Amino acid sequence: MKFSILSVLALAAVVLATTMPQKAVIVSYPDDTPDSIITQAMDAVREAGGLITHEYKLIKYGRCSFPRVLLTEERGFACKAPAKILQQVQTWGNDYHAVIEEDQMVSAYGSGS
């Protein structure tokens, strides 16, 4: 009995030690990026043991000159994934100007100094 418990604990230690650290990032693409590229990236993250935490589609706008309004969209996803797969996702997205940035807390309040 002791042997099997020790074996399980040793195996668990090896598995935990070999697990790659994951980074929390946001991957975004311009609106003209084909759906297949975004899907390929999300599938690769999942296959590498990552987790898609959010999919999004943002609409940005800016006034060029009255009454014209410029609308653009940005699509992408947030995930936790190993750094190695993120490098591969970046390479696939080079033709489509993919941006991968660390997910971090953003505040609307300054430090006051």
PDB file of N, CA and C in Angstrom:
ATOM      1  N   MET A   1       0.823  -1.188   0.000  1.00  0.00           N
ATOM      2  CA  MET A   1       0.000   0.000   0.000  1.00  0.00           C
ATOM      3  C   MET A   1       0.866   1.250   0.000  1.00  0.00           C
ATOM      4  N   LYS A   2       1.923   1.249   0.868  1.00  0.00           N
ATOM      5  CA  LYS A   2       2.805   2.406   0.928  1.00  0.00           C
ATOM      6  C   LYS A   2       3.484   2.644  -0.412  1.00  0.00           C
ATOM      7  N   PHE A   3       3.853   1.563  -1.079  1.00  0.00           N
ATOM      8  CA  PHE A   3       4.531   1.685  -2.365  1.00  0.00           C
ATOM      9  C   PHE A   3       3.656   2.387  -3.389  1.00  0.00           C
ATOM     10  N   SER A   4       2.383   2.046  -3.468  1.00  0.00           N
ATOM     11  CA  SER A   4       1.506   2.650  -4.471  1.00  0.00           C
ATOM     12  C   SER A   4       1.238   4.121  -4.171  1.00  0.00           C
ATOM     13  N   ILE A   5       1.121   4.494  -2.915  1.00  0.00           N
ATOM     14  CA  ILE A   5       0.904   5.899  -2.550  1.00  0.00           C
ATOM     15  C   ILE A   5       2.141   6.724  -2.909  1.00  0.00           C
ATOM     16  N   LEU A   6       3.317   6.170  -2.592  1.00  0.00           N
ATOM     17  CA  LEU A   6       4.550   6.876  -2.922  1.00  0.00           C
ATOM     18  C   LEU A   6       4.720   6.998  -4.431  1.00  0.00           C
ATOM     19  N   SER A   7       4.341   5.977  -5.161  1.00  0.00           N
ATOM     20  CA  SER A   7       4.432   6.022  -6.625  1.00  0.00           C
ATOM     21  C   SER A   7       3.519   7.102  -7.192  1.00  0.00           C
ATOM     22  N   VAL A   8       2.318   7.176  -6.682  1.00  0.00           N
ATOM     23  CA  VAL A   8       1.369   8.192  -7.147  1.00  0.00           C
ATOM     24  C   VAL A   8       1.892   9.587  -6.821  1.00  0.00           C
ATOM     25  N   LEU A   9       2.411   9.794  -5.631  1.00  0.00           N
ATOM     26  CA  LEU A   9       2.962  11.094  -5.246  1.00  0.00           C
ATOM     27  C   LEU A   9       4.162  11.472  -6.110  1.00  0.00           C
ATOM     28  N   ALA A  10       5.023  10.513  -6.395  1.00  0.00           N
ATOM     29  CA  ALA A  10       6.190  10.778  -7.239  1.00  0.00           C
ATOM     30  C   ALA A  10       5.759  11.141  -8.652  1.00  0.00           C
ATOM     31  N   LEU A  11       4.785  10.421  -9.167  1.00  0.00           N
ATOM     32  CA  LEU A  11       4.280  10.717 -10.511  1.00  0.00           C
ATOM     33  C   LEU A  11       3.653  12.099 -10.556  1.00  0.00           C
ATOM     34  N   ALA A  12       2.898  12.445  -9.544  1.00  0.00           N
ATOM     35  CA  ALA A  12       2.277  13.775  -9.481  1.00  0.00           C
ATOM     36  C   ALA A  12       3.338  14.867  -9.433  1.00  0.00           C
ATOM     37  N   ALA A  13       4.409  14.644  -8.704  1.00  0.00           N
ATOM     38  CA  ALA A  13       5.496  15.630  -8.612  1.00  0.00           C
ATOM     39  C   ALA A  13       6.165  15.826  -9.969  1.00  0.00           C
ATOM     40  N   VAL A  14       6.367  14.741 -10.703  1.00  0.00           N
ATOM     41  CA  VAL A  14       6.984  14.831 -12.032  1.00  0.00           C
ATOM     42  C   VAL A  14       6.070  15.581 -12.986  1.00  0.00           C
ATOM     43  N   VAL A  15       4.801  15.274 -12.970  1.00  0.00           N
ATOM     44  CA  VAL A  15       3.844  15.947 -13.857  1.00  0.00           C
ATOM     45  C   VAL A  15       3.786  17.436 -13.552  1.00  0.00           C
ATOM     46  N   LEU A  16       3.716  17.796 -12.303  1.00  0.00           N
ATOM     47  CA  LEU A  16       3.656  19.209 -11.918  1.00  0.00           C
ATOM     48  C   LEU A  16       4.949  19.941 -12.267  1.00  0.00           C
ATOM     49  N   ALA A  17       6.073  19.253 -12.155  1.00  0.00           N
ATOM     50  CA  ALA A  17       7.356  19.883 -12.450  1.00  0.00           C
ATOM     51  C   ALA A  17       7.540  20.118 -13.940  1.00  0.00           C
ATOM     52  N   THR A  18       6.941  19.274 -14.770  1.00  0.00           N
ATOM     53  CA  THR A  18       7.122  19.410 -16.214  1.00  0.00           C
ATOM     54  C   THR A  18       6.040  20.254 -16.867  1.00  0.00           C
ATOM     55  N   THR A  19       5.044  20.697 -16.132  1.00  0.00           N
ATOM     56  CA  THR A  19       3.997  21.536 -16.694  1.00  0.00           C
ATOM     57  C   THR A  19       4.576  22.904 -17.010  1.00  0.00           C
ATOM     58  N   MET A  20       4.334  23.367 -18.246  1.00  0.00           N
ATOM     59  CA  MET A  20       4.847  24.671 -18.650  1.00  0.00           C
ATOM     60  C   MET A  20       4.068  25.777 -17.964  1.00  0.00           C
ATOM     61  N   PRO A  21       4.767  26.835 -17.543  1.00  0.00           N
ATOM     62  CA  PRO A  21       4.039  27.973 -16.983  1.00  0.00           C
ATOM     63  C   PRO A  21       3.211  28.644 -18.070  1.00  0.00           C
ATOM     64  N   GLN A  22       2.053  29.119 -17.690  1.00  0.00           N
ATOM     65  CA  GLN A  22       1.167  29.743 -18.665  1.00  0.00           C
ATOM     66  C   GLN A  22       1.115  31.241 -18.449  1.00  0.00           C
ATOM     67  N   LYS A  23       0.990  31.959 -19.559  1.00  0.00           N
ATOM     68  CA  LYS A  23       0.891  33.410 -19.514  1.00  0.00           C
ATOM     69  C   LYS A  23      -0.542  33.809 -19.840  1.00  0.00           C
ATOM     70  N   ALA A  24      -1.034  34.828 -19.158  1.00  0.00           N
ATOM     71  CA  ALA A  24      -2.355  35.386 -19.461  1.00  0.00           C
ATOM     72  C   ALA A  24      -2.145  36.506 -20.481  1.00  0.00           C
ATOM     73  N   VAL A  25      -2.744  36.343 -21.660  1.00  0.00           N
ATOM     74  CA  VAL A  25      -2.562  37.317 -22.737  1.00  0.00           C
ATOM     75  C   VAL A  25      -3.881  37.632 -23.426  1.00  0.00           C
ATOM     76  N   ILE A  26      -3.847  38.719 -24.196  1.00  0.00           N
ATOM     77  CA  ILE A  26      -4.946  39.082 -25.085  1.00  0.00           C
ATOM     78  C   ILE A  26      -4.387  39.035 -26.499  1.00  0.00           C
ATOM     79  N   VAL A  27      -5.065  38.319 -27.369  1.00  0.00           N
ATOM     80  CA  VAL A  27      -4.666  38.215 -28.769  1.00  0.00           C
ATOM     81  C   VAL A  27      -5.721  38.941 -29.592  1.00  0.00           C
ATOM     82  N   SER A  28      -5.301  39.950 -30.346  1.00  0.00           N
ATOM     83  CA  SER A  28      -6.281  40.711 -31.124  1.00  0.00           C
ATOM     84  C   SER A  28      -5.860  40.795 -32.579  1.00  0.00           C
ATOM     85  N   TYR A  29      -6.875  40.865 -33.438  1.00  0.00           N
ATOM     86  CA  TYR A  29      -6.709  40.901 -34.886  1.00  0.00           C
ATOM     87  C   TYR A  29      -7.568  42.017 -35.473  1.00  0.00           C
ATOM     88  N   PRO A  30      -7.137  42.614 -36.584  1.00  0.00           N
ATOM     89  CA  PRO A  30      -7.986  43.594 -37.268  1.00  0.00           C
ATOM     90  C   PRO A  30      -9.238  42.919 -37.836  1.00  0.00           C
ATOM     91  N   ASP A  31     -10.242  43.725 -38.191  1.00  0.00           N
ATOM     92  CA  ASP A  31     -11.528  43.179 -38.638  1.00  0.00           C
ATOM     93  C   ASP A  31     -11.446  42.416 -39.949  1.00  0.00           C
ATOM     94  N   ASP A  32     -10.413  42.632 -40.770  1.00  0.00           N
ATOM     95  CA  ASP A  32     -10.336  41.937 -42.056  1.00  0.00           C
ATOM     96  C   ASP A  32      -9.625  40.586 -41.968  1.00  0.00           C
ATOM     97  N   THR A  33      -9.308  40.143 -40.757  1.00  0.00           N
ATOM     98  CA  THR A  33      -8.666  38.844 -40.567  1.00  0.00           C
ATOM     99  C   THR A  33      -9.688  37.731 -40.784  1.00  0.00           C
ATOM    100  N   PRO A  34      -9.356  36.729 -41.614  1.00  0.00           N
ATOM    101  CA  PRO A  34     -10.291  35.616 -41.824  1.00  0.00           C
ATOM    102  C   PRO A  34     -10.583  34.869 -40.518  1.00  0.00           C
ATOM    103  N   ASP A  35     -11.819  34.412 -40.390  1.00  0.00           N
ATOM    104  CA  ASP A  35     -12.215  33.640 -39.206  1.00  0.00           C
ATOM    105  C   ASP A  35     -11.332  32.413 -39.012  1.00  0.00           C
ATOM    106  N   SER A  36     -10.886  31.815 -40.119  1.00  0.00           N
ATOM    107  CA  SER A  36     -10.078  30.598 -40.032  1.00  0.00           C
ATOM    108  C   SER A  36      -8.760  30.836 -39.291  1.00  0.00           C
ATOM    109  N   ILE A  37      -8.177  32.020 -39.416  1.00  0.00           N
ATOM    110  CA  ILE A  37      -6.922  32.328 -38.729  1.00  0.00           C
ATOM    111  C   ILE A  37      -7.149  32.410 -37.227  1.00  0.00           C
ATOM    112  N   ILE A  38      -8.224  33.077 -36.830  1.00  0.00           N
ATOM    113  CA  ILE A  38      -8.532  33.211 -35.404  1.00  0.00           C
ATOM    114  C   ILE A  38      -8.884  31.850 -34.809  1.00  0.00           C
ATOM    115  N   THR A  39      -9.668  31.075 -35.532  1.00  0.00           N
ATOM    116  CA  THR A  39     -10.034  29.733 -35.073  1.00  0.00           C
ATOM    117  C   THR A  39      -8.812  28.842 -34.952  1.00  0.00           C
ATOM    118  N   GLN A  40      -7.903  28.922 -35.914  1.00  0.00           N
ATOM    119  CA  GLN A  40      -6.669  28.132 -35.878  1.00  0.00           C
ATOM    120  C   GLN A  40      -5.854  28.485 -34.629  1.00  0.00           C
ATOM    121  N   ALA A  41      -5.764  29.757 -34.314  1.00  0.00           N
ATOM    122  CA  ALA A  41      -5.007  30.190 -33.136  1.00  0.00           C
ATOM    123  C   ALA A  41      -5.655  29.683 -31.852  1.00  0.00           C
ATOM    124  N   MET A  42      -6.984  29.806 -31.752  1.00  0.00           N
ATOM    125  CA  MET A  42      -7.673  29.347 -30.540  1.00  0.00           C
ATOM    126  C   MET A  42      -7.561  27.833 -30.386  1.00  0.00           C
ATOM    127  N   ASP A  43      -7.674  27.099 -31.484  1.00  0.00           N
ATOM    128  CA  ASP A  43      -7.532  25.647 -31.420  1.00  0.00           C
ATOM    129  C   ASP A  43      -6.120  25.249 -30.965  1.00  0.00           C
ATOM    130  N   ALA A  44      -5.108  25.963 -31.461  1.00  0.00           N
ATOM    131  CA  ALA A  44      -3.724  25.654 -31.082  1.00  0.00           C
ATOM    132  C   ALA A  44      -3.499  25.905 -29.593  1.00  0.00           C
ATOM    133  N   VAL A  45      -4.085  26.971 -29.069  1.00  0.00           N
ATOM    134  CA  VAL A  45      -3.967  27.261 -27.638  1.00  0.00           C
ATOM    135  C   VAL A  45      -4.586  26.129 -26.825  1.00  0.00           C
ATOM    136  N   ARG A  46      -5.774  25.699 -27.222  1.00  0.00           N
ATOM    137  CA  ARG A  46      -6.447  24.600 -26.497  1.00  0.00           C
ATOM    138  C   ARG A  46      -5.638  23.311 -26.570  1.00  0.00           C
ATOM    139  N   GLU A  47      -5.111  22.982 -27.769  1.00  0.00           N
ATOM    140  CA  GLU A  47      -4.353  21.742 -27.947  1.00  0.00           C
ATOM    141  C   GLU A  47      -3.062  21.751 -27.130  1.00  0.00           C
ATOM    142  N   ALA A  48      -2.512  22.948 -26.868  1.00  0.00           N
ATOM    143  CA  ALA A  48      -1.281  23.052 -26.080  1.00  0.00           C
ATOM    144  C   ALA A  48      -1.561  23.067 -24.580  1.00  0.00           C
ATOM    145  N   GLY A  49      -2.824  22.867 -24.210  1.00  0.00           N
ATOM    146  CA  GLY A  49      -3.179  22.840 -22.799  1.00  0.00           C
ATOM    147  C   GLY A  49      -3.582  24.193 -22.244  1.00  0.00           C
ATOM    148  N   GLY A  50      -3.751  25.169 -23.140  1.00  0.00           N
ATOM    149  CA  GLY A  50      -4.172  26.495 -22.710  1.00  0.00           C
ATOM    150  C   GLY A  50      -5.674  26.580 -22.544  1.00  0.00           C
ATOM    151  N   LEU A  51      -6.123  27.738 -22.079  1.00  0.00           N
ATOM    152  CA  LEU A  51      -7.537  27.957 -21.812  1.00  0.00           C
ATOM    153  C   LEU A  51      -7.963  29.294 -22.420  1.00  0.00           C
ATOM    154  N   ILE A  52      -8.999  29.272 -23.259  1.00  0.00           N
ATOM    155  CA  ILE A  52      -9.577  30.502 -23.796  1.00  0.00           C
ATOM    156  C   ILE A  52     -10.507  31.035 -22.718  1.00  0.00           C
ATOM    157  N   THR A  53     -10.225  32.232 -22.218  1.00  0.00           N
ATOM    158  CA  THR A  53     -11.031  32.779 -21.130  1.00  0.00           C
ATOM    159  C   THR A  53     -12.112  33.732 -21.628  1.00  0.00           C
ATOM    160  N   HIS A  54     -11.935  34.273 -22.836  1.00  0.00           N
ATOM    161  CA  HIS A  54     -12.932  35.202 -23.369  1.00  0.00           C
ATOM    162  C   HIS A  54     -12.704  35.403 -24.864  1.00  0.00           C
ATOM    163  N   GLU A  55     -13.786  35.438 -25.628  1.00  0.00           N
ATOM    164  CA  GLU A  55     -13.732  35.821 -27.038  1.00  0.00           C
ATOM    165  C   GLU A  55     -14.405  37.175 -27.150  1.00  0.00           C
ATOM    166  N   TYR A  56     -13.888  38.022 -28.026  1.00  0.00           N
ATOM    167  CA  TYR A  56     -14.489  39.343 -28.105  1.00  0.00           C
ATOM    168  C   TYR A  56     -14.478  39.914 -29.523  1.00  0.00           C
ATOM    169  N   LYS A  57     -15.319  40.917 -29.692  1.00  0.00           N
ATOM    170  CA  LYS A  57     -15.388  41.707 -30.915  1.00  0.00           C
ATOM    171  C   LYS A  57     -15.656  43.135 -30.469  1.00  0.00           C
ATOM    172  N   LEU A  58     -14.679  44.002 -30.659  1.00  0.00           N
ATOM    173  CA  LEU A  58     -14.782  45.384 -30.221  1.00  0.00           C
ATOM    174  C   LEU A  58     -15.024  46.297 -31.424  1.00  0.00           C
ATOM    175  N   ILE A  59     -15.856  47.272 -31.254  1.00  0.00           N
ATOM    176  CA  ILE A  59     -16.093  48.262 -32.303  1.00  0.00           C
ATOM    177  C   ILE A  59     -15.508  49.578 -31.821  1.00  0.00           C
ATOM    178  N   LYS A  60     -14.558  50.083 -32.591  1.00  0.00           N
ATOM    179  CA  LYS A  60     -13.943  51.367 -32.267  1.00  0.00           C
ATOM    180  C   LYS A  60     -14.443  52.380 -33.287  1.00  0.00           C
ATOM    181  N   TYR A  61     -14.562  53.592 -32.883  1.00  0.00           N
ATOM    182  CA  TYR A  61     -14.960  54.611 -33.834  1.00  0.00           C
ATOM    183  C   TYR A  61     -14.247  55.918 -33.528  1.00  0.00           C
ATOM    184  N   GLY A  62     -14.113  56.716 -34.545  1.00  0.00           N
ATOM    185  CA  GLY A  62     -13.524  58.035 -34.388  1.00  0.00           C
ATOM    186  C   GLY A  62     -14.111  58.941 -35.448  1.00  0.00           C
ATOM    187  N   ARG A  63     -14.302  60.170 -35.128  1.00  0.00           N
ATOM    188  CA  ARG A  63     -14.880  61.110 -36.075  1.00  0.00           C
ATOM    189  C   ARG A  63     -13.753  61.677 -36.932  1.00  0.00           C
ATOM    190  N   CYS A  64     -13.838  61.483 -38.261  1.00  0.00           N
ATOM    191  CA  CYS A  64     -12.844  62.033 -39.179  1.00  0.00           C
ATOM    192  C   CYS A  64     -13.187  63.495 -39.466  1.00  0.00           C
ATOM    193  N   SER A  65     -14.345  63.718 -39.994  1.00  0.00           N
ATOM    194  CA  SER A  65     -14.862  65.069 -40.228  1.00  0.00           C
ATOM    195  C   SER A  65     -16.369  64.953 -40.279  1.00  0.00           C
ATOM    196  N   PHE A  66     -17.029  65.923 -39.752  1.00  0.00           N
ATOM    197  CA  PHE A  66     -18.482  65.862 -39.651  1.00  0.00           C
ATOM    198  C   PHE A  66     -19.093  65.759 -41.028  1.00  0.00           C
ATOM    199  N   PRO A  67     -20.042  64.928 -41.319  1.00  0.00           N
ATOM    200  CA  PRO A  67     -20.689  63.942 -40.454  1.00  0.00           C
ATOM    201  C   PRO A  67     -20.104  62.553 -40.596  1.00  0.00           C
ATOM    202  N   ARG A  68     -18.945  62.415 -41.222  1.00  0.00           N
ATOM    203  CA  ARG A  68     -18.370  61.085 -41.422  1.00  0.00           C
ATOM    204  C   ARG A  68     -17.855  60.512 -40.098  1.00  0.00           C
ATOM    205  N   VAL A  69     -18.079  59.238 -39.939  1.00  0.00           N
ATOM    206  CA  VAL A  69     -17.563  58.539 -38.756  1.00  0.00           C
ATOM    207  C   VAL A  69     -16.845  57.300 -39.245  1.00  0.00           C
ATOM    208  N   LEU A  70     -15.645  57.105 -38.788  1.00  0.00           N
ATOM    209  CA  LEU A  70     -14.848  55.940 -39.151  1.00  0.00           C
ATOM    210  C   LEU A  70     -15.092  54.842 -38.121  1.00  0.00           C
ATOM    211  N   LEU A  71     -15.550  53.709 -38.587  1.00  0.00           N
ATOM    212  CA  LEU A  71     -15.776  52.569 -37.695  1.00  0.00           C
ATOM    213  C   LEU A  71     -14.781  51.467 -38.026  1.00  0.00           C
ATOM    214  N   THR A  72     -14.182  50.915 -37.019  1.00  0.00           N
ATOM    215  CA  THR A  72     -13.320  49.749 -37.209  1.00  0.00           C
ATOM    216  C   THR A  72     -13.694  48.715 -36.155  1.00  0.00           C
ATOM    217  N   GLU A  73     -13.396  47.495 -36.455  1.00  0.00           N
ATOM    218  CA  GLU A  73     -13.650  46.413 -35.514  1.00  0.00           C
ATOM    219  C   GLU A  73     -12.328  45.732 -35.200  1.00  0.00           C
ATOM    220  N   GLU A  74     -12.250  45.202 -34.035  1.00  0.00           N
ATOM    221  CA  GLU A  74     -11.117  44.393 -33.651  1.00  0.00           C
ATOM    222  C   GLU A  74     -11.660  43.139 -32.995  1.00  0.00           C
ATOM    223  N   ARG A  75     -11.126  42.003 -33.405  1.00  0.00           N
ATOM    224  CA  ARG A  75     -11.607  40.733 -32.878  1.00  0.00           C
ATOM    225  C   ARG A  75     -10.452  39.996 -32.236  1.00  0.00           C
ATOM    226  N   GLY A  76     -10.776  39.080 -31.354  1.00  0.00           N
ATOM    227  CA  GLY A  76      -9.729  38.287 -30.747  1.00  0.00           C
ATOM    228  C   GLY A  76     -10.210  37.495 -29.558  1.00  0.00           C
ATOM    229  N   PHE A  77      -9.275  37.182 -28.687  1.00  0.00           N
ATOM    230  CA  PHE A  77      -9.601  36.379 -27.518  1.00  0.00           C
ATOM    231  C   PHE A  77      -8.568  36.609 -26.428  1.00  0.00           C
ATOM    232  N   ALA A  78      -8.974  36.308 -25.217  1.00  0.00           N
ATOM    233  CA  ALA A  78      -8.062  36.310 -24.075  1.00  0.00           C
ATOM    234  C   ALA A  78      -7.826  34.848 -23.703  1.00  0.00           C
ATOM    235  N   CYS A  79      -6.621  34.546 -23.265  1.00  0.00           N
ATOM    236  CA  CYS A  79      -6.321  33.151 -22.933  1.00  0.00           C
ATOM    237  C   CYS A  79      -5.188  33.067 -21.933  1.00  0.00           C
ATOM    238  N   LYS A  80      -5.041  31.869 -21.389  1.00  0.00           N
ATOM    239  CA  LYS A  80      -3.877  31.483 -20.602  1.00  0.00           C
ATOM    240  C   LYS A  80      -3.239  30.346 -21.368  1.00  0.00           C
ATOM    241  N   ALA A  81      -1.980  30.531 -21.786  1.00  0.00           N
ATOM    242  CA  ALA A  81      -1.343  29.530 -22.643  1.00  0.00           C
ATOM    243  C   ALA A  81       0.165  29.525 -22.433  1.00  0.00           C
ATOM    244  N   PRO A  82       0.813  28.393 -22.774  1.00  0.00           N
ATOM    245  CA  PRO A  82       2.269  28.325 -22.696  1.00  0.00           C
ATOM    246  C   PRO A  82       2.909  29.319 -23.681  1.00  0.00           C
ATOM    247  N   ALA A  83       4.034  29.897 -23.285  1.00  0.00           N
ATOM    248  CA  ALA A  83       4.713  30.896 -24.122  1.00  0.00           C
ATOM    249  C   ALA A  83       5.080  30.337 -25.491  1.00  0.00           C
ATOM    250  N   LYS A  84       5.430  29.068 -25.562  1.00  0.00           N
ATOM    251  CA  LYS A  84       5.851  28.471 -26.835  1.00  0.00           C
ATOM    252  C   LYS A  84       4.734  28.530 -27.877  1.00  0.00           C
ATOM    253  N   ILE A  85       3.510  28.210 -27.493  1.00  0.00           N
ATOM    254  CA  ILE A  85       2.412  28.243 -28.464  1.00  0.00           C
ATOM    255  C   ILE A  85       2.067  29.677 -28.835  1.00  0.00           C
ATOM    256  N   LEU A  86       2.274  30.619 -27.918  1.00  0.00           N
ATOM    257  CA  LEU A  86       2.003  32.016 -28.223  1.00  0.00           C
ATOM    258  C   LEU A  86       2.953  32.543 -29.298  1.00  0.00           C
ATOM    259  N   GLN A  87       4.186  32.059 -29.302  1.00  0.00           N
ATOM    260  CA  GLN A  87       5.131  32.436 -30.362  1.00  0.00           C
ATOM    261  C   GLN A  87       4.632  31.924 -31.709  1.00  0.00           C
ATOM    262  N   GLN A  88       4.095  30.713 -31.723  1.00  0.00           N
ATOM    263  CA  GLN A  88       3.572  30.134 -32.962  1.00  0.00           C
ATOM    264  C   GLN A  88       2.341  30.920 -33.429  1.00  0.00           C
ATOM    265  N   VAL A  89       1.460  31.276 -32.519  1.00  0.00           N
ATOM    266  CA  VAL A  89       0.263  32.056 -32.856  1.00  0.00           C
ATOM    267  C   VAL A  89       0.679  33.414 -33.429  1.00  0.00           C
ATOM    268  N   GLN A  90       1.707  34.022 -32.853  1.00  0.00           N
ATOM    269  CA  GLN A  90       2.204  35.314 -33.352  1.00  0.00           C
ATOM    270  C   GLN A  90       2.711  35.167 -34.780  1.00  0.00           C
ATOM    271  N   THR A  91       3.430  34.091 -35.062  1.00  0.00           N
ATOM    272  CA  THR A  91       3.950  33.858 -36.409  1.00  0.00           C
ATOM    273  C   THR A  91       2.815  33.698 -37.416  1.00  0.00           C
ATOM    274  N   TRP A  92       1.775  32.941 -37.054  1.00  0.00           N
ATOM    275  CA  TRP A  92       0.640  32.776 -37.954  1.00  0.00           C
ATOM    276  C   TRP A  92      -0.059  34.103 -38.223  1.00  0.00           C
ATOM    277  N   GLY A  93      -0.068  34.987 -37.222  1.00  0.00           N
ATOM    278  CA  GLY A  93      -0.793  36.243 -37.338  1.00  0.00           C
ATOM    279  C   GLY A  93       0.004  37.381 -37.944  1.00  0.00           C
ATOM    280  N   ASN A  94       1.267  37.156 -38.310  1.00  0.00           N
ATOM    281  CA  ASN A  94       2.083  38.237 -38.855  1.00  0.00           C
ATOM    282  C   ASN A  94       1.469  38.885 -40.093  1.00  0.00           C
ATOM    283  N   ASP A  95       0.902  38.088 -40.979  1.00  0.00           N
ATOM    284  CA  ASP A  95       0.298  38.639 -42.203  1.00  0.00           C
ATOM    285  C   ASP A  95      -0.953  39.451 -41.903  1.00  0.00           C
ATOM    286  N   TYR A  96      -1.536  39.241 -40.738  1.00  0.00           N
ATOM    287  CA  TYR A  96      -2.798  39.916 -40.390  1.00  0.00           C
ATOM    288  C   TYR A  96      -2.608  40.924 -39.252  1.00  0.00           C
ATOM    289  N   HIS A  97      -1.364  41.210 -38.902  1.00  0.00           N
ATOM    290  CA  HIS A  97      -1.041  42.198 -37.868  1.00  0.00           C
ATOM    291  C   HIS A  97      -1.667  41.844 -36.515  1.00  0.00           C
ATOM    292  N   ALA A  98      -1.520  40.597 -36.138  1.00  0.00           N
ATOM    293  CA  ALA A  98      -2.001  40.155 -34.824  1.00  0.00           C
ATOM    294  C   ALA A  98      -1.170  40.819 -33.733  1.00  0.00           C
ATOM    295  N   VAL A  99      -1.817  41.144 -32.645  1.00  0.00           N
ATOM    296  CA  VAL A  99      -1.132  41.742 -31.501  1.00  0.00           C
ATOM    297  C   VAL A  99      -1.372  40.841 -30.296  1.00  0.00           C
ATOM    298  N   ILE A 100      -0.283  40.437 -29.654  1.00  0.00           N
ATOM    299  CA  ILE A 100      -0.375  39.636 -28.434  1.00  0.00           C
ATOM    300  C   ILE A 100       0.225  40.473 -27.316  1.00  0.00           C
ATOM    301  N   GLU A 101      -0.580  40.736 -26.286  1.00  0.00           N
ATOM    302  CA  GLU A 101      -0.100  41.531 -25.160  1.00  0.00           C
ATOM    303  C   GLU A 101      -0.521  40.885 -23.855  1.00  0.00           C
ATOM    304  N   GLU A 102       0.292  41.111 -22.836  1.00  0.00           N
ATOM    305  CA  GLU A 102      -0.031  40.540 -21.528  1.00  0.00           C
ATOM    306  C   GLU A 102      -1.330  41.115 -21.009  1.00  0.00           C
ATOM    307  N   ASP A 103      -2.151  40.240 -20.466  1.00  0.00           N
ATOM    308  CA  ASP A 103      -3.401  40.671 -19.855  1.00  0.00           C
ATOM    309  C   ASP A 103      -3.047  41.231 -18.482  1.00  0.00           C
ATOM    310  N   GLN A 104      -3.485  42.445 -18.225  1.00  0.00           N
ATOM    311  CA  GLN A 104      -3.159  43.065 -16.944  1.00  0.00           C
ATOM    312  C   GLN A 104      -4.278  43.998 -16.496  1.00  0.00           C
ATOM    313  N   MET A 105      -4.227  44.375 -15.248  1.00  0.00           N
ATOM    314  CA  MET A 105      -5.222  45.262 -14.669  1.00  0.00           C
ATOM    315  C   MET A 105      -5.034  46.667 -15.250  1.00  0.00           C
ATOM    316  N   VAL A 106      -6.136  47.274 -15.668  1.00  0.00           N
ATOM    317  CA  VAL A 106      -6.110  48.636 -16.192  1.00  0.00           C
ATOM    318  C   VAL A 106      -6.987  49.486 -15.287  1.00  0.00           C
ATOM    319  N   SER A 107      -6.499  50.670 -14.966  1.00  0.00           N
ATOM    320  CA  SER A 107      -7.231  51.556 -14.076  1.00  0.00           C
ATOM    321  C   SER A 107      -7.486  52.894 -14.759  1.00  0.00           C
ATOM    322  N   ALA A 108      -8.637  53.474 -14.479  1.00  0.00           N
ATOM    323  CA  ALA A 108      -8.972  54.782 -15.032  1.00  0.00           C
ATOM    324  C   ALA A 108      -8.472  55.907 -14.135  1.00  0.00           C
ATOM    325  N   TYR A 109      -7.956  55.574 -12.983  1.00  0.00           N
ATOM    326  CA  TYR A 109      -7.494  56.565 -12.020  1.00  0.00           C
ATOM    327  C   TYR A 109      -5.977  56.630 -12.032  1.00  0.00           C
ATOM    328  N   GLY A 110      -5.446  57.841 -12.044  1.00  0.00           N
ATOM    329  CA  GLY A 110      -4.004  58.025 -12.006  1.00  0.00           C
ATOM    330  C   GLY A 110      -3.475  57.870 -10.589  1.00  0.00           C
ATOM    331  N   SER A 111      -2.179  57.917 -10.460  1.00  0.00           N
ATOM    332  CA  SER A 111      -1.571  57.780  -9.140  1.00  0.00           C
ATOM    333  C   SER A 111      -1.643  59.080  -8.347  1.00  0.00           C
ATOM    334  N   GLY A 112      -1.964  60.188  -9.029  1.00  0.00           N
ATOM    335  CA  GLY A 112      -2.125  61.454  -8.333  1.00  0.00           C
ATOM    336  C   GLY A 112      -0.836  62.220  -8.134  1.00  0.00           C
ATOM    337  N   SER A 113       0.272  61.720  -8.663  1.00  0.00           N
ATOM    338  CA  SER A 113       1.536  62.431  -8.479  1.00  0.00           C
ATOM    339  C   SER A 113       1.955  63.159  -9.720  1.00  0.00           C
TER     340      SER A 113
END
